[in-house]
Amino acid sequence: MKLSKVFKDGLFKDNPIFVQLVGMCSTLAVTTSVKNGLAMGIAVTVVLMGSNLVISLIRNIIPDKIRIPSFIVVIATFVTIIDMFMKAYSRELYSALGIFIPLIVVNCIIFARAEAFASKNGIVPSLVDGLGMGLGYTMALTILAAVRELFGAGTILGYQIMPEAYQPASIAIMPPGAFIILGILIGIFNKIRMTNEEKKKDEMEGKKTAVEA
């Protein structure tokens, strides 16, 4: 198993938001600003890596009948740690993200990686998978949040980007705008991804033909 492929798959080929379309609830809710989107992405990445690590370690000693409850307990432990840490050291972010921090427990991305990857692979690949998927999720949230904040408030990370005469499109930071912008970004991302895959396929076929000749 090539670790570089595992990492890249999380970022691009199997991106949780743009390709798998999972974790949509928090994605649409917290991306009204880059700061919130980035914070949620980092929190999910930490939980992904931590839960993947522990589940990979104990995968051979968990009875099959309690596999799913065990995964939930592990995930919930890391979510609780993140929740308490954020509450202690960043009250502003904690208030902004609100209920969506505890709801990381039921985020489809985390449970899916625990079931599909960490429970079947070793420690290092599981950590790399968690990192790749987490950064892919963070990247998607940050891009979506940047577009929404830019058009909805004229700022990025609170800094004024648009001219003073710019009239913010408030729909961009409202739920309908979130759906529209996310749909556009999904289309762009997948078009680029498919084009790159076709190019690689053509290159491989070209090399194969050259060798056969």
N, C-alpha and C. Protein backbone atom coordinates (compact mmCIF):
# COMPACT_ATOMS: atom_id res chain seq x y z
N MET A 1 0.84 -1.20 0.00
CA MET A 1 0.00 0.00 0.00
C MET A 1 0.88 1.25 0.00
N LYS A 2 0.70 2.08 -1.02
CA LYS A 2 1.50 3.30 -1.12
C LYS A 2 0.85 4.40 -0.29
N LEU A 3 1.60 4.89 0.70
CA LEU A 3 1.05 5.91 1.59
C LEU A 3 0.74 7.21 0.85
N SER A 4 1.54 7.51 -0.16
CA SER A 4 1.29 8.74 -0.93
C SER A 4 -0.06 8.67 -1.63
N LYS A 5 -0.41 7.48 -2.13
CA LYS A 5 -1.71 7.32 -2.80
C LYS A 5 -2.85 7.44 -1.80
N VAL A 6 -2.68 6.86 -0.62
CA VAL A 6 -3.70 6.95 0.42
C VAL A 6 -3.95 8.42 0.78
N PHE A 7 -2.86 9.17 0.92
CA PHE A 7 -2.96 10.59 1.27
C PHE A 7 -3.64 11.39 0.16
N LYS A 8 -3.19 11.19 -1.08
CA LYS A 8 -3.74 11.94 -2.20
C LYS A 8 -5.21 11.60 -2.46
N ASP A 9 -5.58 10.35 -2.23
CA ASP A 9 -6.99 9.96 -2.42
C ASP A 9 -7.91 10.75 -1.49
N GLY A 10 -7.45 10.97 -0.26
CA GLY A 10 -8.24 11.75 0.69
C GLY A 10 -8.40 13.19 0.27
N LEU A 11 -7.35 13.72 -0.35
CA LEU A 11 -7.38 15.12 -0.79
C LEU A 11 -8.21 15.31 -2.05
N PHE A 12 -8.05 14.41 -3.02
CA PHE A 12 -8.64 14.65 -4.34
C PHE A 12 -9.61 13.55 -4.79
N LYS A 13 -9.12 12.35 -5.05
CA LYS A 13 -9.95 11.30 -5.65
C LYS A 13 -11.18 10.97 -4.81
N ASP A 14 -11.02 10.90 -3.48
CA ASP A 14 -12.13 10.57 -2.60
C ASP A 14 -12.44 11.71 -1.63
N ASN A 15 -12.26 12.94 -2.09
CA ASN A 15 -12.51 14.08 -1.20
C ASN A 15 -13.88 13.97 -0.54
N PRO A 16 -13.94 14.07 0.79
CA PRO A 16 -15.20 13.85 1.50
C PRO A 16 -16.36 14.76 1.05
N ILE A 17 -16.06 16.01 0.76
CA ILE A 17 -17.10 16.98 0.41
C ILE A 17 -17.38 17.01 -1.08
N PHE A 18 -16.36 17.22 -1.88
CA PHE A 18 -16.53 17.43 -3.31
C PHE A 18 -16.81 16.15 -4.10
N VAL A 19 -16.40 15.00 -3.56
CA VAL A 19 -16.59 13.74 -4.29
C VAL A 19 -17.60 12.82 -3.58
N GLN A 20 -17.37 12.54 -2.30
CA GLN A 20 -18.25 11.62 -1.58
C GLN A 20 -19.55 12.28 -1.10
N LEU A 21 -19.54 13.60 -0.99
CA LEU A 21 -20.73 14.35 -0.57
C LEU A 21 -21.24 13.89 0.80
N VAL A 22 -20.34 13.73 1.75
CA VAL A 22 -20.73 13.38 3.11
C VAL A 22 -20.38 14.53 4.06
N GLY A 23 -21.02 14.54 5.21
CA GLY A 23 -20.79 15.62 6.18
C GLY A 23 -21.35 16.95 5.71
N MET A 24 -22.44 16.90 4.95
CA MET A 24 -22.99 18.12 4.36
C MET A 24 -23.60 19.08 5.38
N CYS A 25 -24.14 18.54 6.46
CA CYS A 25 -24.83 19.39 7.44
C CYS A 25 -23.90 20.45 8.01
N SER A 26 -22.79 20.00 8.59
CA SER A 26 -21.83 20.95 9.17
C SER A 26 -21.17 21.79 8.09
N THR A 27 -20.97 21.21 6.92
CA THR A 27 -20.33 21.94 5.82
C THR A 27 -21.12 23.19 5.45
N LEU A 28 -22.41 23.06 5.32
CA LEU A 28 -23.26 24.19 4.94
C LEU A 28 -23.48 25.15 6.10
N ALA A 29 -23.41 24.64 7.32
CA ALA A 29 -23.76 25.47 8.48
C ALA A 29 -22.61 26.35 8.96
N VAL A 30 -21.38 25.86 8.91
CA VAL A 30 -20.27 26.59 9.55
C VAL A 30 -19.41 27.38 8.57
N THR A 31 -19.71 27.32 7.29
CA THR A 31 -18.83 27.96 6.31
C THR A 31 -19.23 29.39 5.97
N THR A 32 -19.82 30.09 6.91
CA THR A 32 -20.15 31.50 6.68
C THR A 32 -18.91 32.39 6.75
N SER A 33 -17.83 31.84 7.32
CA SER A 33 -16.56 32.58 7.37
C SER A 33 -15.41 31.59 7.29
N VAL A 34 -14.28 32.06 6.77
CA VAL A 34 -13.09 31.20 6.64
C VAL A 34 -12.62 30.71 8.00
N LYS A 35 -12.67 31.57 8.98
CA LYS A 35 -12.22 31.22 10.33
C LYS A 35 -12.99 30.03 10.87
N ASN A 36 -14.31 30.06 10.72
CA ASN A 36 -15.14 28.97 11.22
C ASN A 36 -14.91 27.69 10.43
N GLY A 37 -14.82 27.81 9.10
CA GLY A 37 -14.60 26.64 8.27
C GLY A 37 -13.27 25.98 8.56
N LEU A 38 -12.24 26.78 8.72
CA LEU A 38 -10.91 26.26 9.01
C LEU A 38 -10.87 25.58 10.38
N ALA A 39 -11.52 26.19 11.36
CA ALA A 39 -11.54 25.62 12.71
C ALA A 39 -12.27 24.28 12.73
N MET A 40 -13.39 24.19 12.03
CA MET A 40 -14.12 22.93 11.96
C MET A 40 -13.30 21.87 11.24
N GLY A 41 -12.61 22.26 10.16
CA GLY A 41 -11.78 21.32 9.43
C GLY A 41 -10.66 20.75 10.28
N ILE A 42 -10.01 21.61 11.05
CA ILE A 42 -8.91 21.16 11.92
C ILE A 42 -9.45 20.22 13.00
N ALA A 43 -10.60 20.57 13.57
CA ALA A 43 -11.20 19.72 14.60
C ALA A 43 -11.51 18.33 14.05
N VAL A 44 -12.10 18.27 12.87
CA VAL A 44 -12.44 16.98 12.26
C VAL A 44 -11.17 16.20 11.92
N THR A 45 -10.13 16.88 11.46
CA THR A 45 -8.87 16.22 11.13
C THR A 45 -8.25 15.57 12.36
N VAL A 46 -8.25 16.28 13.48
CA VAL A 46 -7.71 15.73 14.72
C VAL A 46 -8.49 14.51 15.16
N VAL A 47 -9.81 14.59 15.09
CA VAL A 47 -10.65 13.45 15.48
C VAL A 47 -10.43 12.27 14.53
N LEU A 48 -10.33 12.54 13.25
CA LEU A 48 -10.09 11.48 12.27
C LEU A 48 -8.78 10.75 12.55
N MET A 49 -7.71 11.51 12.76
CA MET A 49 -6.41 10.89 12.99
C MET A 49 -6.39 10.13 14.31
N GLY A 50 -6.96 10.73 15.36
CA GLY A 50 -6.98 10.07 16.66
C GLY A 50 -7.80 8.80 16.66
N SER A 51 -9.00 8.87 16.11
CA SER A 51 -9.88 7.69 16.10
C SER A 51 -9.32 6.60 15.20
N ASN A 52 -8.76 6.98 14.04
CA ASN A 52 -8.15 5.99 13.15
C ASN A 52 -7.00 5.27 13.84
N LEU A 53 -6.18 6.04 14.57
CA LEU A 53 -5.04 5.45 15.29
C LEU A 53 -5.51 4.42 16.31
N VAL A 54 -6.45 4.81 17.16
CA VAL A 54 -6.91 3.91 18.23
C VAL A 54 -7.64 2.70 17.66
N ILE A 55 -8.49 2.92 16.68
CA ILE A 55 -9.25 1.81 16.11
C ILE A 55 -8.32 0.83 15.40
N SER A 56 -7.29 1.35 14.75
CA SER A 56 -6.31 0.46 14.12
C SER A 56 -5.57 -0.38 15.16
N LEU A 57 -5.29 0.23 16.31
CA LEU A 57 -4.58 -0.48 17.38
C LEU A 57 -5.42 -1.62 17.99
N ILE A 58 -6.71 -1.38 18.15
CA ILE A 58 -7.57 -2.35 18.86
C ILE A 58 -8.43 -3.18 17.92
N ARG A 59 -8.22 -3.06 16.62
CA ARG A 59 -9.12 -3.70 15.66
C ARG A 59 -9.17 -5.22 15.79
N ASN A 60 -8.08 -5.82 16.24
CA ASN A 60 -8.03 -7.28 16.32
C ASN A 60 -8.56 -7.83 17.64
N ILE A 61 -8.86 -6.95 18.59
CA ILE A 61 -9.34 -7.44 19.89
C ILE A 61 -10.80 -7.05 20.14
N ILE A 62 -11.40 -6.29 19.22
CA ILE A 62 -12.80 -5.91 19.38
C ILE A 62 -13.69 -7.02 18.83
N PRO A 63 -14.59 -7.57 19.65
CA PRO A 63 -15.54 -8.57 19.13
C PRO A 63 -16.41 -7.95 18.04
N ASP A 64 -16.70 -8.72 17.03
CA ASP A 64 -17.45 -8.20 15.89
C ASP A 64 -18.82 -7.66 16.29
N LYS A 65 -19.44 -8.26 17.31
CA LYS A 65 -20.78 -7.85 17.71
C LYS A 65 -20.83 -6.45 18.31
N ILE A 66 -19.72 -6.00 18.88
CA ILE A 66 -19.70 -4.66 19.48
C ILE A 66 -18.76 -3.71 18.73
N ARG A 67 -18.49 -4.05 17.48
CA ARG A 67 -17.57 -3.25 16.68
C ARG A 67 -18.05 -1.80 16.54
N ILE A 68 -19.28 -1.63 16.11
CA ILE A 68 -19.81 -0.28 15.87
C ILE A 68 -19.91 0.53 17.16
N PRO A 69 -20.48 -0.02 18.25
CA PRO A 69 -20.48 0.74 19.51
C PRO A 69 -19.09 1.13 19.98
N SER A 70 -18.12 0.24 19.76
CA SER A 70 -16.74 0.54 20.16
C SER A 70 -16.19 1.71 19.35
N PHE A 71 -16.47 1.73 18.06
CA PHE A 71 -16.02 2.83 17.22
C PHE A 71 -16.61 4.15 17.70
N ILE A 72 -17.89 4.12 18.03
CA ILE A 72 -18.58 5.34 18.47
C ILE A 72 -17.98 5.86 19.77
N VAL A 73 -17.64 4.96 20.69
CA VAL A 73 -17.03 5.37 21.97
C VAL A 73 -15.68 6.03 21.73
N VAL A 74 -14.88 5.43 20.84
CA VAL A 74 -13.56 6.00 20.54
C VAL A 74 -13.71 7.39 19.92
N ILE A 75 -14.58 7.50 18.93
CA ILE A 75 -14.80 8.79 18.25
C ILE A 75 -15.33 9.83 19.23
N ALA A 76 -16.29 9.44 20.05
CA ALA A 76 -16.88 10.37 21.02
C ALA A 76 -15.85 10.86 22.02
N THR A 77 -14.89 10.02 22.37
CA THR A 77 -13.83 10.42 23.31
C THR A 77 -13.01 11.56 22.73
N PHE A 78 -12.60 11.42 21.49
CA PHE A 78 -11.80 12.47 20.86
C PHE A 78 -12.61 13.74 20.63
N VAL A 79 -13.87 13.58 20.29
CA VAL A 79 -14.74 14.76 20.10
C VAL A 79 -14.89 15.51 21.42
N THR A 80 -15.04 14.78 22.51
CA THR A 80 -15.17 15.41 23.83
C THR A 80 -13.90 16.19 24.18
N ILE A 81 -12.74 15.62 23.87
CA ILE A 81 -11.47 16.30 24.13
C ILE A 81 -11.40 17.60 23.34
N ILE A 82 -11.76 17.55 22.05
CA ILE A 82 -11.75 18.74 21.20
C ILE A 82 -12.74 19.78 21.73
N ASP A 83 -13.91 19.32 22.11
CA ASP A 83 -14.95 20.22 22.62
C ASP A 83 -14.47 20.95 23.88
N MET A 84 -13.88 20.22 24.82
CA MET A 84 -13.39 20.81 26.05
C MET A 84 -12.21 21.74 25.80
N PHE A 85 -11.31 21.34 24.87
CA PHE A 85 -10.15 22.18 24.55
C PHE A 85 -10.59 23.51 23.94
N MET A 86 -11.53 23.43 22.99
CA MET A 86 -11.99 24.65 22.34
C MET A 86 -12.76 25.55 23.31
N LYS A 87 -13.53 24.94 24.18
CA LYS A 87 -14.28 25.71 25.18
C LYS A 87 -13.33 26.42 26.14
N ALA A 88 -12.20 25.79 26.45
CA ALA A 88 -11.25 26.37 27.40
C ALA A 88 -10.37 27.45 26.78
N TYR A 89 -9.99 27.26 25.52
CA TYR A 89 -8.98 28.15 24.93
C TYR A 89 -9.50 29.07 23.82
N SER A 90 -10.70 28.83 23.32
CA SER A 90 -11.23 29.70 22.26
C SER A 90 -12.75 29.80 22.38
N ARG A 91 -13.19 30.61 23.32
CA ARG A 91 -14.63 30.74 23.57
C ARG A 91 -15.36 31.30 22.36
N GLU A 92 -14.69 32.18 21.62
CA GLU A 92 -15.34 32.78 20.45
C GLU A 92 -15.67 31.73 19.40
N LEU A 93 -14.68 30.89 19.08
CA LEU A 93 -14.91 29.83 18.11
C LEU A 93 -15.91 28.80 18.64
N TYR A 94 -15.80 28.51 19.92
CA TYR A 94 -16.71 27.55 20.53
C TYR A 94 -18.15 28.02 20.40
N SER A 95 -18.37 29.31 20.61
CA SER A 95 -19.71 29.87 20.48
C SER A 95 -20.17 29.89 19.03
N ALA A 96 -19.23 30.17 18.11
CA ALA A 96 -19.58 30.26 16.69
C ALA A 96 -19.95 28.90 16.11
N LEU A 97 -19.21 27.86 16.50
CA LEU A 97 -19.46 26.53 15.96
C LEU A 97 -20.58 25.81 16.70
N GLY A 98 -20.77 26.17 17.96
CA GLY A 98 -21.89 25.67 18.74
C GLY A 98 -22.06 24.16 18.73
N ILE A 99 -23.28 23.73 18.40
CA ILE A 99 -23.64 22.31 18.47
C ILE A 99 -22.88 21.46 17.46
N PHE A 100 -22.28 22.08 16.46
CA PHE A 100 -21.63 21.30 15.41
C PHE A 100 -20.32 20.65 15.86
N ILE A 101 -19.76 21.09 16.99
CA ILE A 101 -18.60 20.40 17.53
C ILE A 101 -19.01 19.04 18.11
N PRO A 102 -19.98 18.97 19.03
CA PRO A 102 -20.43 17.66 19.51
C PRO A 102 -20.95 16.75 18.40
N LEU A 103 -21.55 17.36 17.36
CA LEU A 103 -22.11 16.56 16.26
C LEU A 103 -21.05 15.93 15.37
N ILE A 104 -19.77 16.24 15.61
CA ILE A 104 -18.70 15.55 14.88
C ILE A 104 -18.79 14.05 15.12
N VAL A 105 -19.33 13.67 16.27
CA VAL A 105 -19.47 12.25 16.62
C VAL A 105 -20.24 11.49 15.54
N VAL A 106 -21.26 12.12 14.97
CA VAL A 106 -22.09 11.44 13.98
C VAL A 106 -21.73 11.86 12.55
N ASN A 107 -20.58 12.50 12.39
CA ASN A 107 -20.14 12.88 11.05
C ASN A 107 -19.82 11.61 10.25
N CYS A 108 -20.46 11.47 9.10
CA CYS A 108 -20.32 10.25 8.29
C CYS A 108 -18.88 9.99 7.88
N ILE A 109 -18.10 11.04 7.69
CA ILE A 109 -16.72 10.88 7.25
C ILE A 109 -15.92 10.05 8.25
N ILE A 110 -16.05 10.39 9.52
CA ILE A 110 -15.24 9.76 10.55
C ILE A 110 -15.61 8.30 10.74
N PHE A 111 -16.90 8.03 10.83
CA PHE A 111 -17.31 6.63 11.01
C PHE A 111 -16.99 5.81 9.77
N ALA A 112 -17.14 6.40 8.60
CA ALA A 112 -16.85 5.67 7.35
C ALA A 112 -15.39 5.27 7.28
N ARG A 113 -14.48 6.16 7.68
CA ARG A 113 -13.06 5.83 7.63
C ARG A 113 -12.70 4.79 8.70
N ALA A 114 -13.37 4.86 9.84
CA ALA A 114 -13.14 3.86 10.88
C ALA A 114 -13.54 2.48 10.39
N GLU A 115 -14.70 2.40 9.76
CA GLU A 115 -15.23 1.11 9.30
C GLU A 115 -14.52 0.60 8.05
N ALA A 116 -14.30 1.50 7.09
CA ALA A 116 -13.77 1.07 5.79
C ALA A 116 -12.25 0.96 5.75
N PHE A 117 -11.55 1.71 6.61
CA PHE A 117 -10.08 1.73 6.49
C PHE A 117 -9.37 1.34 7.79
N ALA A 118 -9.60 2.11 8.86
CA ALA A 118 -8.82 1.88 10.09
C ALA A 118 -9.03 0.49 10.67
N SER A 119 -10.23 -0.08 10.54
CA SER A 119 -10.50 -1.40 11.10
C SER A 119 -9.88 -2.52 10.27
N LYS A 120 -9.28 -2.17 9.12
CA LYS A 120 -8.72 -3.18 8.23
C LYS A 120 -7.24 -2.97 7.93
N ASN A 121 -6.66 -1.88 8.45
CA ASN A 121 -5.27 -1.56 8.11
C ASN A 121 -4.45 -1.22 9.35
N GLY A 122 -3.13 -1.14 9.14
CA GLY A 122 -2.22 -0.87 10.24
C GLY A 122 -2.23 0.58 10.69
N ILE A 123 -1.38 0.87 11.67
CA ILE A 123 -1.38 2.18 12.33
C ILE A 123 -0.97 3.30 11.37
N VAL A 124 0.16 3.13 10.69
CA VAL A 124 0.67 4.20 9.82
C VAL A 124 -0.27 4.51 8.67
N PRO A 125 -0.72 3.49 7.90
CA PRO A 125 -1.68 3.79 6.84
C PRO A 125 -2.96 4.45 7.36
N SER A 126 -3.42 4.03 8.54
CA SER A 126 -4.65 4.61 9.11
C SER A 126 -4.45 6.07 9.48
N LEU A 127 -3.27 6.38 10.02
CA LEU A 127 -2.96 7.78 10.34
C LEU A 127 -2.90 8.64 9.08
N VAL A 128 -2.26 8.10 8.05
CA VAL A 128 -2.15 8.83 6.78
C VAL A 128 -3.52 9.01 6.15
N ASP A 129 -4.36 7.98 6.23
CA ASP A 129 -5.72 8.09 5.70
C ASP A 129 -6.50 9.17 6.45
N GLY A 130 -6.38 9.19 7.77
CA GLY A 130 -7.06 10.21 8.57
C GLY A 130 -6.58 11.61 8.23
N LEU A 131 -5.25 11.74 8.04
CA LEU A 131 -4.69 13.04 7.70
C LEU A 131 -5.16 13.50 6.32
N GLY A 132 -5.11 12.59 5.35
CA GLY A 132 -5.53 12.93 3.99
C GLY A 132 -6.99 13.31 3.92
N MET A 133 -7.85 12.51 4.53
CA MET A 133 -9.28 12.80 4.52
C MET A 133 -9.58 14.09 5.29
N GLY A 134 -8.88 14.27 6.41
CA GLY A 134 -9.09 15.47 7.21
C GLY A 134 -8.69 16.73 6.47
N LEU A 135 -7.52 16.68 5.81
CA LEU A 135 -7.07 17.85 5.06
C LEU A 135 -7.95 18.08 3.82
N GLY A 136 -8.45 16.99 3.22
CA GLY A 136 -9.38 17.14 2.10
C GLY A 136 -10.66 17.82 2.54
N TYR A 137 -11.15 17.44 3.72
CA TYR A 137 -12.35 18.07 4.30
C TYR A 137 -12.08 19.53 4.63
N THR A 138 -10.92 19.78 5.24
CA THR A 138 -10.55 21.15 5.60
C THR A 138 -10.41 22.04 4.37
N MET A 139 -9.78 21.50 3.34
CA MET A 139 -9.61 22.24 2.10
C MET A 139 -10.97 22.63 1.50
N ALA A 140 -11.88 21.67 1.45
CA ALA A 140 -13.21 21.93 0.88
C ALA A 140 -13.96 22.99 1.69
N LEU A 141 -13.92 22.86 3.02
CA LEU A 141 -14.60 23.83 3.87
C LEU A 141 -14.01 25.22 3.72
N THR A 142 -12.68 25.29 3.66
CA THR A 142 -12.01 26.59 3.56
C THR A 142 -12.32 27.28 2.24
N ILE A 143 -12.31 26.51 1.15
CA ILE A 143 -12.63 27.09 -0.17
C ILE A 143 -14.06 27.59 -0.18
N LEU A 144 -14.99 26.76 0.29
CA LEU A 144 -16.40 27.16 0.32
C LEU A 144 -16.61 28.38 1.20
N ALA A 145 -15.96 28.38 2.37
CA ALA A 145 -16.10 29.51 3.30
C ALA A 145 -15.51 30.79 2.71
N ALA A 146 -14.39 30.66 2.00
CA ALA A 146 -13.75 31.83 1.40
C ALA A 146 -14.65 32.48 0.36
N VAL A 147 -15.27 31.67 -0.47
CA VAL A 147 -16.17 32.20 -1.50
C VAL A 147 -17.39 32.85 -0.86
N ARG A 148 -17.96 32.16 0.14
CA ARG A 148 -19.15 32.71 0.80
C ARG A 148 -18.84 34.01 1.54
N GLU A 149 -17.72 34.04 2.26
CA GLU A 149 -17.37 35.25 3.00
C GLU A 149 -17.02 36.40 2.06
N LEU A 150 -16.32 36.07 0.97
CA LEU A 150 -15.91 37.11 0.03
C LEU A 150 -17.12 37.80 -0.60
N PHE A 151 -18.06 37.00 -1.10
CA PHE A 151 -19.22 37.59 -1.77
C PHE A 151 -20.30 38.03 -0.79
N GLY A 152 -20.34 37.38 0.37
CA GLY A 152 -21.39 37.71 1.34
C GLY A 152 -21.04 38.86 2.26
N ALA A 153 -19.75 39.10 2.47
CA ALA A 153 -19.34 40.18 3.37
C ALA A 153 -18.25 41.07 2.78
N GLY A 154 -17.65 40.62 1.68
CA GLY A 154 -16.57 41.39 1.06
C GLY A 154 -15.25 41.27 1.78
N THR A 155 -15.14 40.26 2.65
CA THR A 155 -13.92 40.09 3.45
C THR A 155 -13.38 38.67 3.34
N ILE A 156 -12.13 38.49 3.76
CA ILE A 156 -11.52 37.17 3.95
C ILE A 156 -10.81 37.22 5.30
N LEU A 157 -11.19 36.33 6.20
CA LEU A 157 -10.65 36.32 7.57
C LEU A 157 -10.85 37.68 8.26
N GLY A 158 -11.93 38.34 7.89
CA GLY A 158 -12.25 39.62 8.51
C GLY A 158 -11.59 40.82 7.87
N TYR A 159 -10.67 40.59 6.93
CA TYR A 159 -9.99 41.71 6.26
C TYR A 159 -10.76 42.10 5.00
N GLN A 160 -10.97 43.39 4.82
CA GLN A 160 -11.71 43.89 3.67
C GLN A 160 -10.95 43.61 2.37
N ILE A 161 -11.59 42.90 1.46
CA ILE A 161 -10.98 42.56 0.19
C ILE A 161 -11.66 43.32 -0.95
N MET A 162 -12.97 43.33 -0.92
CA MET A 162 -13.72 44.02 -1.97
C MET A 162 -13.64 45.54 -1.78
N PRO A 163 -13.82 46.31 -2.85
CA PRO A 163 -13.83 47.77 -2.73
C PRO A 163 -14.92 48.24 -1.78
N GLU A 164 -14.74 49.42 -1.22
CA GLU A 164 -15.71 49.95 -0.25
C GLU A 164 -17.09 50.12 -0.86
N ALA A 165 -17.14 50.34 -2.17
CA ALA A 165 -18.42 50.53 -2.84
C ALA A 165 -19.16 49.21 -3.07
N TYR A 166 -18.49 48.10 -2.82
CA TYR A 166 -19.11 46.79 -3.07
C TYR A 166 -20.29 46.56 -2.13
N GLN A 167 -21.41 46.12 -2.71
CA GLN A 167 -22.59 45.79 -1.94
C GLN A 167 -22.63 44.27 -1.70
N PRO A 168 -22.41 43.82 -0.48
CA PRO A 168 -22.37 42.38 -0.20
C PRO A 168 -23.63 41.66 -0.66
N ALA A 169 -23.43 40.49 -1.26
CA ALA A 169 -24.56 39.65 -1.66
C ALA A 169 -24.91 38.76 -0.47
N SER A 170 -25.83 39.21 0.33
CA SER A 170 -26.14 38.52 1.59
C SER A 170 -26.61 37.08 1.37
N ILE A 171 -27.11 36.77 0.17
CA ILE A 171 -27.56 35.40 -0.08
C ILE A 171 -26.40 34.41 0.03
N ALA A 172 -25.17 34.89 -0.20
CA ALA A 172 -24.00 34.00 -0.16
C ALA A 172 -23.77 33.40 1.22
N ILE A 173 -24.16 34.12 2.27
CA ILE A 173 -23.96 33.59 3.63
C ILE A 173 -25.25 33.04 4.21
N MET A 174 -26.27 32.89 3.36
CA MET A 174 -27.54 32.29 3.76
C MET A 174 -27.59 30.86 3.22
N PRO A 175 -28.45 29.99 3.79
CA PRO A 175 -28.52 28.59 3.35
C PRO A 175 -28.70 28.40 1.84
N PRO A 176 -29.59 29.16 1.16
CA PRO A 176 -29.72 28.96 -0.30
C PRO A 176 -28.40 29.22 -1.04
N GLY A 177 -27.69 30.27 -0.62
CA GLY A 177 -26.41 30.59 -1.24
C GLY A 177 -25.39 29.50 -1.01
N ALA A 178 -25.43 28.90 0.18
CA ALA A 178 -24.50 27.82 0.49
C ALA A 178 -24.69 26.65 -0.47
N PHE A 179 -25.95 26.28 -0.72
CA PHE A 179 -26.24 25.18 -1.65
C PHE A 179 -25.77 25.51 -3.06
N ILE A 180 -26.05 26.72 -3.52
CA ILE A 180 -25.69 27.12 -4.88
C ILE A 180 -24.17 27.13 -5.06
N ILE A 181 -23.47 27.77 -4.13
CA ILE A 181 -22.00 27.87 -4.24
C ILE A 181 -21.35 26.50 -4.12
N LEU A 182 -21.85 25.67 -3.20
CA LEU A 182 -21.29 24.32 -3.05
C LEU A 182 -21.48 23.51 -4.33
N GLY A 183 -22.65 23.62 -4.94
CA GLY A 183 -22.91 22.90 -6.19
C GLY A 183 -21.96 23.33 -7.29
N ILE A 184 -21.71 24.62 -7.40
CA ILE A 184 -20.78 25.13 -8.42
C ILE A 184 -19.37 24.61 -8.16
N LEU A 185 -18.93 24.66 -6.90
CA LEU A 185 -17.59 24.19 -6.56
C LEU A 185 -17.44 22.69 -6.80
N ILE A 186 -18.47 21.92 -6.50
CA ILE A 186 -18.43 20.47 -6.76
C ILE A 186 -18.24 20.21 -8.25
N GLY A 187 -18.99 20.95 -9.07
CA GLY A 187 -18.87 20.80 -10.51
C GLY A 187 -17.48 21.13 -11.01
N ILE A 188 -16.92 22.25 -10.55
CA ILE A 188 -15.58 22.66 -10.97
C ILE A 188 -14.53 21.64 -10.53
N PHE A 189 -14.61 21.22 -9.25
CA PHE A 189 -13.63 20.29 -8.70
C PHE A 189 -13.64 18.98 -9.47
N ASN A 190 -14.83 18.43 -9.72
CA ASN A 190 -14.92 17.14 -10.39
C ASN A 190 -14.54 17.22 -11.86
N LYS A 191 -14.79 18.37 -12.49
CA LYS A 191 -14.35 18.54 -13.88
C LYS A 191 -12.83 18.51 -13.96
N ILE A 192 -12.17 19.23 -13.03
CA ILE A 192 -10.70 19.24 -12.99
C ILE A 192 -10.17 17.85 -12.69
N ARG A 193 -10.78 17.17 -11.71
CA ARG A 193 -10.33 15.83 -11.31
C ARG A 193 -10.46 14.84 -12.46
N MET A 194 -11.59 14.86 -13.15
CA MET A 194 -11.81 13.93 -14.26
C MET A 194 -10.87 14.22 -15.43
N THR A 195 -10.61 15.50 -15.69
CA THR A 195 -9.68 15.87 -16.76
C THR A 195 -8.28 15.35 -16.46
N ASN A 196 -7.84 15.51 -15.21
CA ASN A 196 -6.51 15.02 -14.81
C ASN A 196 -6.42 13.50 -14.91
N GLU A 197 -7.49 12.81 -14.52
CA GLU A 197 -7.50 11.35 -14.59
C GLU A 197 -7.44 10.88 -16.04
N GLU A 198 -8.15 11.58 -16.93
CA GLU A 198 -8.12 11.21 -18.35
C GLU A 198 -6.73 11.43 -18.94
N LYS A 199 -6.08 12.52 -18.54
CA LYS A 199 -4.72 12.79 -19.01
C LYS A 199 -3.76 11.70 -18.57
N LYS A 200 -3.87 11.29 -17.29
CA LYS A 200 -3.00 10.24 -16.78
C LYS A 200 -3.26 8.92 -17.50
N LYS A 201 -4.54 8.66 -17.78
CA LYS A 201 -4.90 7.42 -18.49
C LYS A 201 -4.33 7.43 -19.90
N ASP A 202 -4.42 8.57 -20.57
CA ASP A 202 -3.87 8.69 -21.93
C ASP A 202 -2.35 8.52 -21.92
N GLU A 203 -1.70 9.09 -20.90
CA GLU A 203 -0.25 8.97 -20.79
C GLU A 203 0.17 7.52 -20.58
N MET A 204 -0.58 6.82 -19.73
CA MET A 204 -0.27 5.40 -19.48
C MET A 204 -0.47 4.56 -20.73
N GLU A 205 -1.56 4.84 -21.45
CA GLU A 205 -1.82 4.11 -22.69
C GLU A 205 -0.75 4.40 -23.73
N GLY A 206 -0.29 5.67 -23.77
CA GLY A 206 0.78 6.05 -24.70
C GLY A 206 2.07 5.32 -24.40
N LYS A 207 2.42 5.23 -23.12
CA LYS A 207 3.64 4.51 -22.70
C LYS A 207 3.53 3.02 -23.02
N LYS A 208 2.32 2.45 -22.80
CA LYS A 208 2.10 1.05 -23.07
C LYS A 208 2.28 0.75 -24.56
N THR A 209 1.71 1.66 -25.37
CA THR A 209 1.81 1.49 -26.82
C THR A 209 3.27 1.58 -27.28
N ALA A 210 4.01 2.52 -26.67
CA ALA A 210 5.42 2.71 -27.02
C ALA A 210 6.24 1.48 -26.67
N VAL A 211 5.94 0.85 -25.53
CA VAL A 211 6.67 -0.33 -25.09
C VAL A 211 6.37 -1.49 -26.03
N GLU A 212 5.09 -1.65 -26.37
CA GLU A 212 4.69 -2.75 -27.26
C GLU A 212 5.30 -2.59 -28.65
N ALA A 213 5.45 -1.32 -29.08
CA ALA A 213 6.03 -1.07 -30.40
C ALA A 213 7.51 -1.40 -30.40
